[in-house]
Amino acid sequence: MQEKMPVLREPVKRRRGGKKLLAVLVLLFIVILGVLFFNSSISKVSTVTVEGQKVMQAADIRKTAGIAAGDSFFGTSTETIEARIRAMKPIKNVRVTKSFPGGITIHVQEYETVAYSLSNKGELTAVLANGTGVPAGADLVVDKPILSGWKTGDPVLASLCKALAAIPEQSLSDFSEISPVPSTSYPDRIKIYTRTRFEVITAVSLLADKIATMNAVIEIQPPGTITLLLADKYAPFVPEEPENPAVTQKETTQ
């Protein structure tokens, strides 16, 4: 007698509709959260802090950065902000950092102030190492030389600013005024008046090499004229002879 083979049942196909629905709900939930996040205050810039500036105005740096409180925190990259600020002539270096939530810090390094210029209206301008002029505040301490007699765009002035940046702070602070006195042999010849009452004649191209000689003379000699060109010379100021009281009295009686 033959045994009957059991009937094989077809496997029941599991419905995948439930998984698809769950995936759609999760995706919808993520989208809703994203919309809520990017429209909430936590995704906005709350503060823009500027650090390191000395002669520039923080408001001008923020304006150039192109970002302000209320803007999207993720809308602009730090590299883009840095590139905008680096285009400003007084800026030597810049670093932008973001701190979630909402904080942006802009740390700038300006070119060093090497001198000042004074306009006919009495407005003071800080002159930086790259030759850029920046309006200076009225309460600023003038501890650098005043540039007088220079024309705007003078290439010698740009070279002078670069040379002044390489001079030690102690020597630079002794300079009170610098004027151009060009000659045929030295188109970049300058005259420096010091706060120690010396007059120094030299050239911009020689200034860095002559600083040590100038300091040596100032330390041991009375005030006078120092010439630092091809040959170095020093001559003390000739004191004015006092008037003879007897001669003066005789002239007044005639």
C-alpha atoms as a PDB file:
ATOM      1  CA  MET A   1       0.000   0.000   0.000  1.00  0.00           C
ATOM      2  CA  GLN A   2       1.464   3.291  -1.084  1.00  0.00           C
ATOM      3  CA  GLU A   3       1.898   6.033   1.454  1.00  0.00           C
ATOM      4  CA  LYS A   4       0.428   9.366   0.578  1.00  0.00           C
ATOM      5  CA  MET A   5       2.912  12.221   0.270  1.00  0.00           C
ATOM      6  CA  PRO A   6       2.075  15.120   2.536  1.00  0.00           C
ATOM      7  CA  VAL A   7       0.895  18.204   0.746  1.00  0.00           C
ATOM      8  CA  LEU A   8       3.597  20.945   0.867  1.00  0.00           C
ATOM      9  CA  ARG A   9       2.196  24.291   1.775  1.00  0.00           C
ATOM     10  CA  GLU A  10       3.478  27.355   0.023  1.00  0.00           C
ATOM     11  CA  PRO A  11       5.348  29.672   2.400  1.00  0.00           C
ATOM     12  CA  VAL A  12       3.278  32.598   3.475  1.00  0.00           C
ATOM     13  CA  LYS A  13       4.649  35.796   2.016  1.00  0.00           C
ATOM     14  CA  ARG A  14       5.236  38.380   4.671  1.00  0.00           C
ATOM     15  CA  ARG A  15       3.875  41.712   3.940  1.00  0.00           C
ATOM     16  CA  ARG A  16       6.546  44.408   3.636  1.00  0.00           C
ATOM     17  CA  GLY A  17       4.093  47.254   3.715  1.00  0.00           C
ATOM     18  CA  GLY A  18       4.637  47.732   7.429  1.00  0.00           C
ATOM     19  CA  LYS A  19       8.384  48.344   7.044  1.00  0.00           C
ATOM     20  CA  LYS A  20       7.848  50.806   4.227  1.00  0.00           C
ATOM     21  CA  LEU A  21       5.329  52.734   6.271  1.00  0.00           C
ATOM     22  CA  LEU A  22       7.716  52.840   9.225  1.00  0.00           C
ATOM     23  CA  ALA A  23      10.554  54.129   6.993  1.00  0.00           C
ATOM     24  CA  VAL A  24       8.298  56.861   5.585  1.00  0.00           C
ATOM     25  CA  LEU A  25       7.230  57.922   9.081  1.00  0.00           C
ATOM     26  CA  VAL A  26      10.853  58.074  10.281  1.00  0.00           C
ATOM     27  CA  LEU A  27      11.881  60.116   7.244  1.00  0.00           C
ATOM     28  CA  LEU A  28       8.939  62.455   7.713  1.00  0.00           C
ATOM     29  CA  PHE A  29       9.839  62.858  11.375  1.00  0.00           C
ATOM     30  CA  ILE A  30      13.456  63.769  10.458  1.00  0.00           C
ATOM     31  CA  VAL A  31      12.263  66.306   7.885  1.00  0.00           C
ATOM     32  CA  ILE A  32       9.932  67.933  10.408  1.00  0.00           C
ATOM     33  CA  LEU A  33      12.722  68.111  12.978  1.00  0.00           C
ATOM     34  CA  GLY A  34      15.037  69.675  10.380  1.00  0.00           C
ATOM     35  CA  VAL A  35      12.472  72.303   9.422  1.00  0.00           C
ATOM     36  CA  LEU A  36      11.818  73.129  13.059  1.00  0.00           C
ATOM     37  CA  PHE A  37      15.562  73.316  13.814  1.00  0.00           C
ATOM     38  CA  PHE A  38      16.490  75.593  10.926  1.00  0.00           C
ATOM     39  CA  ASN A  39      13.595  77.907  11.750  1.00  0.00           C
ATOM     40  CA  SER A  40      14.397  78.092  15.436  1.00  0.00           C
ATOM     41  CA  SER A  41      16.669  80.591  17.183  1.00  0.00           C
ATOM     42  CA  ILE A  42      19.174  77.866  18.042  1.00  0.00           C
ATOM     43  CA  SER A  43      20.252  77.659  14.371  1.00  0.00           C
ATOM     44  CA  LYS A  44      20.802  81.427  14.111  1.00  0.00           C
ATOM     45  CA  VAL A  45      23.894  83.522  14.830  1.00  0.00           C
ATOM     46  CA  SER A  46      23.518  85.118  18.255  1.00  0.00           C
ATOM     47  CA  THR A  47      26.848  86.955  18.680  1.00  0.00           C
ATOM     48  CA  VAL A  48      29.686  88.077  16.388  1.00  0.00           C
ATOM     49  CA  THR A  49      32.768  88.961  18.445  1.00  0.00           C
ATOM     50  CA  VAL A  50      35.802  90.750  16.979  1.00  0.00           C
ATOM     51  CA  GLU A  51      39.159  90.460  18.761  1.00  0.00           C
ATOM     52  CA  GLY A  52      42.699  91.720  18.138  1.00  0.00           C
ATOM     53  CA  GLN A  53      41.955  95.002  16.362  1.00  0.00           C
ATOM     54  CA  LYS A  54      43.851  98.117  17.483  1.00  0.00           C
ATOM     55  CA  VAL A  55      43.225 100.896  14.974  1.00  0.00           C
ATOM     56  CA  MET A  56      40.332  99.428  12.999  1.00  0.00           C
ATOM     57  CA  GLN A  57      36.703  99.598  14.083  1.00  0.00           C
ATOM     58  CA  ALA A  58      35.046  96.306  15.032  1.00  0.00           C
ATOM     59  CA  ALA A  59      31.865  97.423  13.254  1.00  0.00           C
ATOM     60  CA  ASP A  60      33.749  97.766   9.947  1.00  0.00           C
ATOM     61  CA  ILE A  61      35.171  94.257  10.315  1.00  0.00           C
ATOM     62  CA  ARG A  62      31.715  92.804  11.047  1.00  0.00           C
ATOM     63  CA  LYS A  63      30.279  94.594   8.020  1.00  0.00           C
ATOM     64  CA  THR A  64      32.993  93.196   5.746  1.00  0.00           C
ATOM     65  CA  ALA A  65      32.506  89.714   7.232  1.00  0.00           C
ATOM     66  CA  GLY A  66      28.954  89.813   5.899  1.00  0.00           C
ATOM     67  CA  ILE A  67      27.407  88.041   8.863  1.00  0.00           C
ATOM     68  CA  ALA A  68      25.361  89.381  11.748  1.00  0.00           C
ATOM     69  CA  ALA A  69      23.127  88.264  14.587  1.00  0.00           C
ATOM     70  CA  GLY A  70      20.047  86.542  13.206  1.00  0.00           C
ATOM     71  CA  ASP A  71      21.753  85.055  10.137  1.00  0.00           C
ATOM     72  CA  SER A  72      21.929  81.307   9.618  1.00  0.00           C
ATOM     73  CA  PHE A  73      24.708  79.792  11.702  1.00  0.00           C
ATOM     74  CA  PHE A  74      25.437  77.198   9.024  1.00  0.00           C
ATOM     75  CA  GLY A  75      24.801  79.486   6.054  1.00  0.00           C
ATOM     76  CA  THR A  76      28.372  80.764   5.634  1.00  0.00           C
ATOM     77  CA  SER A  77      31.593  78.832   6.165  1.00  0.00           C
ATOM     78  CA  THR A  78      34.487  80.131   8.240  1.00  0.00           C
ATOM     79  CA  GLU A  79      36.714  80.013   5.136  1.00  0.00           C
ATOM     80  CA  THR A  80      34.379  82.367   3.271  1.00  0.00           C
ATOM     81  CA  ILE A  81      34.304  84.844   6.163  1.00  0.00           C
ATOM     82  CA  GLU A  82      38.095  84.747   6.471  1.00  0.00           C
ATOM     83  CA  ALA A  83      38.519  85.422   2.747  1.00  0.00           C
ATOM     84  CA  ARG A  84      36.276  88.492   2.964  1.00  0.00           C
ATOM     85  CA  ILE A  85      38.146  89.981   5.914  1.00  0.00           C
ATOM     86  CA  ARG A  86      41.578  89.128   4.537  1.00  0.00           C
ATOM     87  CA  ALA A  87      40.788  91.388   1.560  1.00  0.00           C
ATOM     88  CA  MET A  88      40.869  94.418   3.892  1.00  0.00           C
ATOM     89  CA  LYS A  89      44.220  96.199   3.453  1.00  0.00           C
ATOM     90  CA  PRO A  90      44.988  96.721   7.173  1.00  0.00           C
ATOM     91  CA  ILE A  91      44.511  93.005   7.924  1.00  0.00           C
ATOM     92  CA  LYS A  92      47.620  90.840   8.014  1.00  0.00           C
ATOM     93  CA  ASN A  93      45.957  87.649   9.232  1.00  0.00           C
ATOM     94  CA  VAL A  94      42.515  86.473  10.366  1.00  0.00           C
ATOM     95  CA  ARG A  95      41.036  83.418  12.042  1.00  0.00           C
ATOM     96  CA  VAL A  96      37.299  82.728  12.371  1.00  0.00           C
ATOM     97  CA  THR A  97      35.876  80.162  14.790  1.00  0.00           C
ATOM     98  CA  LYS A  98      32.316  79.014  15.383  1.00  0.00           C
ATOM     99  CA  SER A  99      31.003  77.824  18.731  1.00  0.00           C
ATOM    100  CA  PHE A 100      27.575  76.198  18.734  1.00  0.00           C
ATOM    101  CA  PRO A 101      25.040  77.468  19.442  1.00  0.00           C
ATOM    102  CA  GLY A 102      25.222  80.833  17.678  1.00  0.00           C
ATOM    103  CA  GLY A 103      28.679  82.152  18.562  1.00  0.00           C
ATOM    104  CA  ILE A 104      31.144  83.428  15.949  1.00  0.00           C
ATOM    105  CA  THR A 105      34.537  84.874  16.913  1.00  0.00           C
ATOM    106  CA  ILE A 106      36.690  86.826  14.459  1.00  0.00           C
ATOM    107  CA  HIS A 107      40.306  87.217  15.577  1.00  0.00           C
ATOM    108  CA  VAL A 108      42.303  89.619  13.412  1.00  0.00           C
ATOM    109  CA  GLN A 109      45.947  90.636  13.272  1.00  0.00           C
ATOM    110  CA  GLU A 110      46.565  94.065  11.792  1.00  0.00           C
ATOM    111  CA  TYR A 111      49.755  95.225  10.166  1.00  0.00           C
ATOM    112  CA  GLU A 112      51.847  96.992  12.778  1.00  0.00           C
ATOM    113  CA  THR A 113      51.431 100.751  13.197  1.00  0.00           C
ATOM    114  CA  VAL A 114      54.805 102.320  12.351  1.00  0.00           C
ATOM    115  CA  ALA A 115      53.947 106.029  12.106  1.00  0.00           C
ATOM    116  CA  TYR A 116      51.203 108.651  12.041  1.00  0.00           C
ATOM    117  CA  SER A 117      50.261 111.417   9.667  1.00  0.00           C
ATOM    118  CA  LEU A 118      48.397 114.621  10.462  1.00  0.00           C
ATOM    119  CA  SER A 119      46.055 116.291   7.975  1.00  0.00           C
ATOM    120  CA  ASN A 120      45.554 120.033   7.576  1.00  0.00           C
ATOM    121  CA  LYS A 121      42.342 119.664   9.564  1.00  0.00           C
ATOM    122  CA  GLY A 122      44.219 118.068  12.442  1.00  0.00           C
ATOM    123  CA  GLU A 123      42.913 114.560  11.743  1.00  0.00           C
ATOM    124  CA  LEU A 124      45.297 111.825  12.827  1.00  0.00           C
ATOM    125  CA  THR A 125      45.904 108.782  10.612  1.00  0.00           C
ATOM    126  CA  ALA A 126      47.751 105.646  11.678  1.00  0.00           C
ATOM    127  CA  VAL A 127      50.195 104.465   8.991  1.00  0.00           C
ATOM    128  CA  LEU A 128      50.725 100.709   8.957  1.00  0.00           C
ATOM    129  CA  ALA A 129      53.729  98.632   7.920  1.00  0.00           C
ATOM    130  CA  ASN A 130      52.262  97.994   4.456  1.00  0.00           C
ATOM    131  CA  GLY A 131      51.701 101.715   3.867  1.00  0.00           C
ATOM    132  CA  THR A 132      47.955 101.650   4.518  1.00  0.00           C
ATOM    133  CA  GLY A 133      46.468 104.595   6.400  1.00  0.00           C
ATOM    134  CA  VAL A 134      43.691 104.075   8.944  1.00  0.00           C
ATOM    135  CA  PRO A 135      41.862 106.898  10.778  1.00  0.00           C
ATOM    136  CA  ALA A 136      43.046 106.925  14.386  1.00  0.00           C
ATOM    137  CA  GLY A 137      40.999 107.753  17.442  1.00  0.00           C
ATOM    138  CA  ALA A 138      41.460 111.071  19.206  1.00  0.00           C
ATOM    139  CA  ASP A 139      42.402 109.342  22.472  1.00  0.00           C
ATOM    140  CA  LEU A 140      45.222 107.356  20.846  1.00  0.00           C
ATOM    141  CA  VAL A 141      48.701 107.764  22.336  1.00  0.00           C
ATOM    142  CA  VAL A 142      51.081 108.948  19.606  1.00  0.00           C
ATOM    143  CA  ASP A 143      54.177 106.872  20.360  1.00  0.00           C
ATOM    144  CA  LYS A 144      55.420 106.636  16.764  1.00  0.00           C
ATOM    145  CA  PRO A 145      56.933 109.266  14.426  1.00  0.00           C
ATOM    146  CA  ILE A 146      54.803 111.807  12.549  1.00  0.00           C
ATOM    147  CA  LEU A 147      55.253 111.731   8.769  1.00  0.00           C
ATOM    148  CA  SER A 148      55.372 115.229   7.266  1.00  0.00           C
ATOM    149  CA  GLY A 149      55.876 116.443   3.714  1.00  0.00           C
ATOM    150  CA  TRP A 150      55.030 113.133   2.039  1.00  0.00           C
ATOM    151  CA  LYS A 151      52.875 112.860  -1.074  1.00  0.00           C
ATOM    152  CA  THR A 152      50.122 110.264  -1.364  1.00  0.00           C
ATOM    153  CA  GLY A 153      51.276 107.251  -3.338  1.00  0.00           C
ATOM    154  CA  ASP A 154      54.984 108.013  -2.960  1.00  0.00           C
ATOM    155  CA  PRO A 155      56.810 104.677  -3.490  1.00  0.00           C
ATOM    156  CA  VAL A 156      59.545 105.809  -1.098  1.00  0.00           C
ATOM    157  CA  LEU A 157      56.896 106.130   1.620  1.00  0.00           C
ATOM    158  CA  ALA A 158      55.856 102.511   1.134  1.00  0.00           C
ATOM    159  CA  SER A 159      59.498 101.424   1.448  1.00  0.00           C
ATOM    160  CA  LEU A 160      59.893 103.595   4.545  1.00  0.00           C
ATOM    161  CA  CYS A 161      56.914 101.957   6.271  1.00  0.00           C
ATOM    162  CA  LYS A 162      58.362  98.519   5.579  1.00  0.00           C
ATOM    163  CA  ALA A 163      61.764  99.612   6.923  1.00  0.00           C
ATOM    164  CA  LEU A 164      60.227 101.133  10.075  1.00  0.00           C
ATOM    165  CA  ALA A 165      58.491  97.829  10.834  1.00  0.00           C
ATOM    166  CA  ALA A 166      61.914  96.154  11.111  1.00  0.00           C
ATOM    167  CA  ILE A 167      63.299  98.726  13.570  1.00  0.00           C
ATOM    168  CA  PRO A 168      63.352  97.853  17.298  1.00  0.00           C
ATOM    169  CA  GLU A 169      60.494  99.418  19.249  1.00  0.00           C
ATOM    170  CA  GLN A 170      62.826 101.424  21.501  1.00  0.00           C
ATOM    171  CA  SER A 171      64.510 103.123  18.542  1.00  0.00           C
ATOM    172  CA  LEU A 172      61.242 103.749  16.702  1.00  0.00           C
ATOM    173  CA  SER A 173      59.640 105.364  19.731  1.00  0.00           C
ATOM    174  CA  ASP A 174      62.509 107.906  19.816  1.00  0.00           C
ATOM    175  CA  PHE A 175      61.635 109.147  16.319  1.00  0.00           C
ATOM    176  CA  SER A 176      59.377 112.194  16.511  1.00  0.00           C
ATOM    177  CA  GLU A 177      59.168 113.240  12.849  1.00  0.00           C
ATOM    178  CA  ILE A 178      60.320 111.948   9.455  1.00  0.00           C
ATOM    179  CA  SER A 179      60.437 114.095   6.303  1.00  0.00           C
ATOM    180  CA  PRO A 180      61.641 113.385   2.735  1.00  0.00           C
ATOM    181  CA  VAL A 181      64.768 115.278   1.616  1.00  0.00           C
ATOM    182  CA  PRO A 182      65.657 113.588  -1.697  1.00  0.00           C
ATOM    183  CA  SER A 183      68.922 114.299  -3.489  1.00  0.00           C
ATOM    184  CA  THR A 184      70.459 113.278  -6.808  1.00  0.00           C
ATOM    185  CA  SER A 185      72.607 110.611  -5.157  1.00  0.00           C
ATOM    186  CA  TYR A 186      69.889 109.453  -2.743  1.00  0.00           C
ATOM    187  CA  PRO A 187      66.313 109.811  -4.058  1.00  0.00           C
ATOM    188  CA  ASP A 188      65.129 108.100  -0.870  1.00  0.00           C
ATOM    189  CA  ARG A 189      67.013 110.399   1.513  1.00  0.00           C
ATOM    190  CA  ILE A 190      65.106 111.345   4.671  1.00  0.00           C
ATOM    191  CA  LYS A 191      65.539 113.526   7.734  1.00  0.00           C
ATOM    192  CA  ILE A 192      64.594 112.128  11.134  1.00  0.00           C
ATOM    193  CA  TYR A 193      63.996 114.283  14.195  1.00  0.00           C
ATOM    194  CA  THR A 194      64.343 112.407  17.465  1.00  0.00           C
ATOM    195  CA  ARG A 195      62.823 113.046  20.856  1.00  0.00           C
ATOM    196  CA  THR A 196      66.370 113.081  22.209  1.00  0.00           C
ATOM    197  CA  ARG A 197      66.895 116.264  20.074  1.00  0.00           C
ATOM    198  CA  PHE A 198      69.040 114.810  17.287  1.00  0.00           C
ATOM    199  CA  GLU A 199      68.649 115.390  13.561  1.00  0.00           C
ATOM    200  CA  VAL A 200      69.484 112.312  11.495  1.00  0.00           C
ATOM    201  CA  ILE A 201      70.119 112.395   7.747  1.00  0.00           C
ATOM    202  CA  THR A 202      69.995 108.970   6.109  1.00  0.00           C
ATOM    203  CA  ALA A 203      68.264 107.025   3.324  1.00  0.00           C
ATOM    204  CA  VAL A 204      65.378 104.589   3.534  1.00  0.00           C
ATOM    205  CA  SER A 205      67.478 101.888   1.857  1.00  0.00           C
ATOM    206  CA  LEU A 206      70.205 102.342   4.507  1.00  0.00           C
ATOM    207  CA  LEU A 207      68.028 102.821   7.571  1.00  0.00           C
ATOM    208  CA  ALA A 208      68.037  99.240   8.863  1.00  0.00           C
ATOM    209  CA  ASP A 209      71.827  98.968   8.608  1.00  0.00           C
ATOM    210  CA  LYS A 210      72.452 102.377  10.218  1.00  0.00           C
ATOM    211  CA  ILE A 211      70.257 102.019  13.308  1.00  0.00           C
ATOM    212  CA  ALA A 212      73.043 100.530  15.442  1.00  0.00           C
ATOM    213  CA  THR A 213      75.410 103.393  14.524  1.00  0.00           C
ATOM    214  CA  MET A 214      72.749 105.988  15.227  1.00  0.00           C
ATOM    215  CA  ASN A 215      71.986 104.515  18.667  1.00  0.00           C
ATOM    216  CA  ALA A 216      75.685 104.422  19.540  1.00  0.00           C
ATOM    217  CA  VAL A 217      76.089 108.126  18.753  1.00  0.00           C
ATOM    218  CA  ILE A 218      72.932 109.131  20.626  1.00  0.00           C
ATOM    219  CA  GLU A 219      74.067 107.271  23.745  1.00  0.00           C
ATOM    220  CA  ILE A 220      77.436 109.024  24.107  1.00  0.00           C
ATOM    221  CA  GLN A 221      77.150 112.369  22.306  1.00  0.00           C
ATOM    222  CA  PRO A 222      75.243 115.579  23.018  1.00  0.00           C
ATOM    223  CA  PRO A 223      72.431 116.519  20.629  1.00  0.00           C
ATOM    224  CA  GLY A 224      73.583 117.296  17.102  1.00  0.00           C
ATOM    225  CA  THR A 225      73.339 116.284  13.466  1.00  0.00           C
ATOM    226  CA  ILE A 226      74.074 112.692  12.471  1.00  0.00           C
ATOM    227  CA  THR A 227      74.662 111.905   8.802  1.00  0.00           C
ATOM    228  CA  LEU A 228      74.384 108.228   7.950  1.00  0.00           C
ATOM    229  CA  LEU A 229      74.953 107.805   4.230  1.00  0.00           C
ATOM    230  CA  LEU A 230      78.007 106.528   2.362  1.00  0.00           C
ATOM    231  CA  ALA A 231      80.111 108.059   5.133  1.00  0.00           C
ATOM    232  CA  ASP A 232      78.919 108.506   8.711  1.00  0.00           C
ATOM    233  CA  LYS A 233      79.354 111.932  10.289  1.00  0.00           C
ATOM    234  CA  TYR A 234      78.367 113.638  13.503  1.00  0.00           C
ATOM    235  CA  ALA A 235      78.414 117.307  14.401  1.00  0.00           C
ATOM    236  CA  PRO A 236      77.096 118.760  17.664  1.00  0.00           C
ATOM    237  CA  PHE A 237      74.770 121.720  17.538  1.00  0.00           C
ATOM    238  CA  VAL A 238      76.671 124.994  17.964  1.00  0.00           C
ATOM    239  CA  PRO A 239      75.324 126.667  21.098  1.00  0.00           C
ATOM    240  CA  GLU A 240      74.181 130.227  20.679  1.00  0.00           C
ATOM    241  CA  GLU A 241      76.602 132.680  22.251  1.00  0.00           C
ATOM    242  CA  PRO A 242      74.978 134.761  24.983  1.00  0.00           C
ATOM    243  CA  GLU A 243      74.726 138.423  24.258  1.00  0.00           C
ATOM    244  CA  ASN A 244      77.310 140.678  25.929  1.00  0.00           C
ATOM    245  CA  PRO A 245      75.397 142.682  28.567  1.00  0.00           C
ATOM    246  CA  ALA A 246      77.831 145.617  28.253  1.00  0.00           C
ATOM    247  CA  VAL A 247      77.375 145.826  24.508  1.00  0.00           C
ATOM    248  CA  THR A 248      73.638 145.560  24.833  1.00  0.00           C
ATOM    249  CA  GLN A 249      73.527 148.320  27.425  1.00  0.00           C
ATOM    250  CA  LYS A 250      75.720 150.585  25.272  1.00  0.00           C
ATOM    251  CA  GLU A 251      73.484 150.047  22.227  1.00  0.00           C
ATOM    252  CA  THR A 252      70.376 150.969  24.217  1.00  0.00           C
ATOM    253  CA  THR A 253      71.904 154.273  25.400  1.00  0.00           C
ATOM    254  CA  GLN A 254      72.746 155.434  21.884  1.00  0.00           C
END
